Amino acid sequence: MKFGPDDQVERDAPEAPYEQLAGILRARLARGDWKPRRPIPSESGLCAEYGLSRPTVRRAVADLVTAGLVFTVPQRGTYVAEHPEPASGESKPRS
């Protein structure tokens, strides 16, 4: 399922909450809500915004790290990657 940047996590959806959140965060990154090398909201901020537990938020963010969209600096936070990979189905810009 494709998620939009303004979607909310639905408890009765077929996708797990972490998958929904990862999709929403991907959409927000694609929309440009957070600029490269700038932090995304903290885990506790995302927990409060989406009403999710810290392990759920952590798993969603880990998916974004694995995809190369964000990187985590211990004791500092999670930041948008310099050149995030395009979402599946989109083409990469040519140099």
Protein backbone atom coordinates (compact mmCIF):
# COMPACT_ATOMS: atom_id res chain seq x y z
CA MET A 1 0.00 0.00 0.00
CA LYS A 2 1.18 3.52 -0.75
CA PHE A 3 1.13 6.05 2.07
CA GLY A 4 0.79 9.81 1.86
CA PRO A 5 2.66 12.38 3.94
CA ASP A 6 -0.51 13.40 5.77
CA ASP A 7 -1.75 9.88 6.55
CA GLN A 8 -2.14 8.58 10.07
CA VAL A 9 -1.37 5.10 11.39
CA GLU A 10 -4.51 2.96 11.47
CA ARG A 11 -4.66 0.21 14.07
CA ASP A 12 -7.00 -1.99 12.00
CA ALA A 13 -5.03 -1.72 8.73
CA PRO A 14 -3.55 -4.88 7.18
CA GLU A 15 -0.03 -3.40 7.36
CA ALA A 16 1.85 -3.41 10.65
CA PRO A 17 2.03 0.00 12.38
CA TYR A 18 5.80 0.24 11.77
CA GLU A 19 5.26 -0.38 8.03
CA GLN A 20 2.61 2.34 7.91
CA LEU A 21 4.84 4.79 9.76
CA ALA A 22 7.83 3.99 7.53
CA GLY A 23 5.64 4.67 4.48
CA ILE A 24 4.37 7.94 5.92
CA LEU A 25 7.89 9.08 6.78
CA ARG A 26 9.11 8.13 3.27
CA ALA A 27 6.31 10.27 1.81
CA ARG A 28 7.24 13.17 4.08
CA LEU A 29 10.88 12.86 3.03
CA ALA A 30 9.86 12.79 -0.64
CA ARG A 31 7.72 15.89 -0.11
CA GLY A 32 10.71 17.68 1.40
CA ASP A 33 9.41 18.12 4.94
CA TRP A 34 13.00 17.71 6.17
CA LYS A 35 16.06 18.90 4.29
CA PRO A 36 19.24 16.84 3.72
CA ARG A 37 21.61 16.72 6.69
CA ARG A 38 18.88 18.09 8.97
CA PRO A 39 17.27 16.02 11.73
CA ILE A 40 13.91 14.34 11.52
CA PRO A 41 11.77 14.46 14.67
CA SER A 42 13.08 12.50 17.64
CA GLU A 43 11.76 9.04 18.51
CA SER A 44 9.78 10.52 21.38
CA GLY A 45 8.40 13.21 19.07
CA LEU A 46 7.28 10.62 16.52
CA CYS A 47 5.79 8.50 19.33
CA ALA A 48 3.71 11.47 20.45
CA GLU A 49 2.74 12.57 16.93
CA TYR A 50 1.58 9.15 15.78
CA GLY A 51 0.52 7.56 19.09
CA LEU A 52 2.97 4.67 18.75
CA SER A 53 5.38 2.93 21.09
CA ARG A 54 9.11 3.62 20.96
CA PRO A 55 9.96 0.11 19.62
CA THR A 56 7.47 0.61 16.77
CA VAL A 57 8.94 4.00 15.87
CA ARG A 58 12.47 2.63 16.17
CA ARG A 59 11.64 -0.20 13.74
CA ALA A 60 10.14 2.22 11.20
CA VAL A 61 13.20 4.48 11.39
CA ALA A 62 15.48 1.43 11.06
CA ASP A 63 13.73 0.63 7.76
CA LEU A 64 14.55 4.14 6.53
CA VAL A 65 18.18 3.73 7.63
CA THR A 66 18.40 0.42 5.76
CA ALA A 67 16.96 2.11 2.66
CA GLY A 68 19.61 4.83 2.85
CA LEU A 69 17.07 7.62 3.33
CA VAL A 70 18.30 8.67 6.77
CA PHE A 71 21.28 8.02 9.02
CA THR A 72 21.57 7.94 12.80
CA VAL A 73 24.27 9.64 14.85
CA PRO A 74 24.44 8.11 18.35
CA GLN A 75 23.40 10.55 21.08
CA ARG A 76 22.49 13.14 18.42
CA GLY A 77 19.52 11.89 16.42
CA THR A 78 18.48 10.77 12.97
CA TYR A 79 19.23 12.92 9.94
CA VAL A 80 18.09 13.01 6.32
CA ALA A 81 20.68 11.49 3.99
CA GLU A 82 22.41 13.88 1.59
CA HIS A 83 21.03 12.21 -1.53
CA PRO A 84 18.16 9.96 -0.49
CA GLU A 85 17.36 7.14 -2.86
CA PRO A 86 14.16 7.69 -4.85
CA ALA A 87 11.10 5.76 -3.78
CA SER A 88 10.47 2.56 -5.72
CA GLY A 89 9.05 3.24 -9.13
CA GLU A 90 10.74 6.61 -9.45
CA SER A 91 13.78 7.11 -11.63
CA LYS A 92 17.07 8.50 -10.38
CA PRO A 93 18.12 11.84 -11.81
CA ARG A 94 20.96 11.55 -14.29
CA SER A 95 24.12 13.58 -13.87
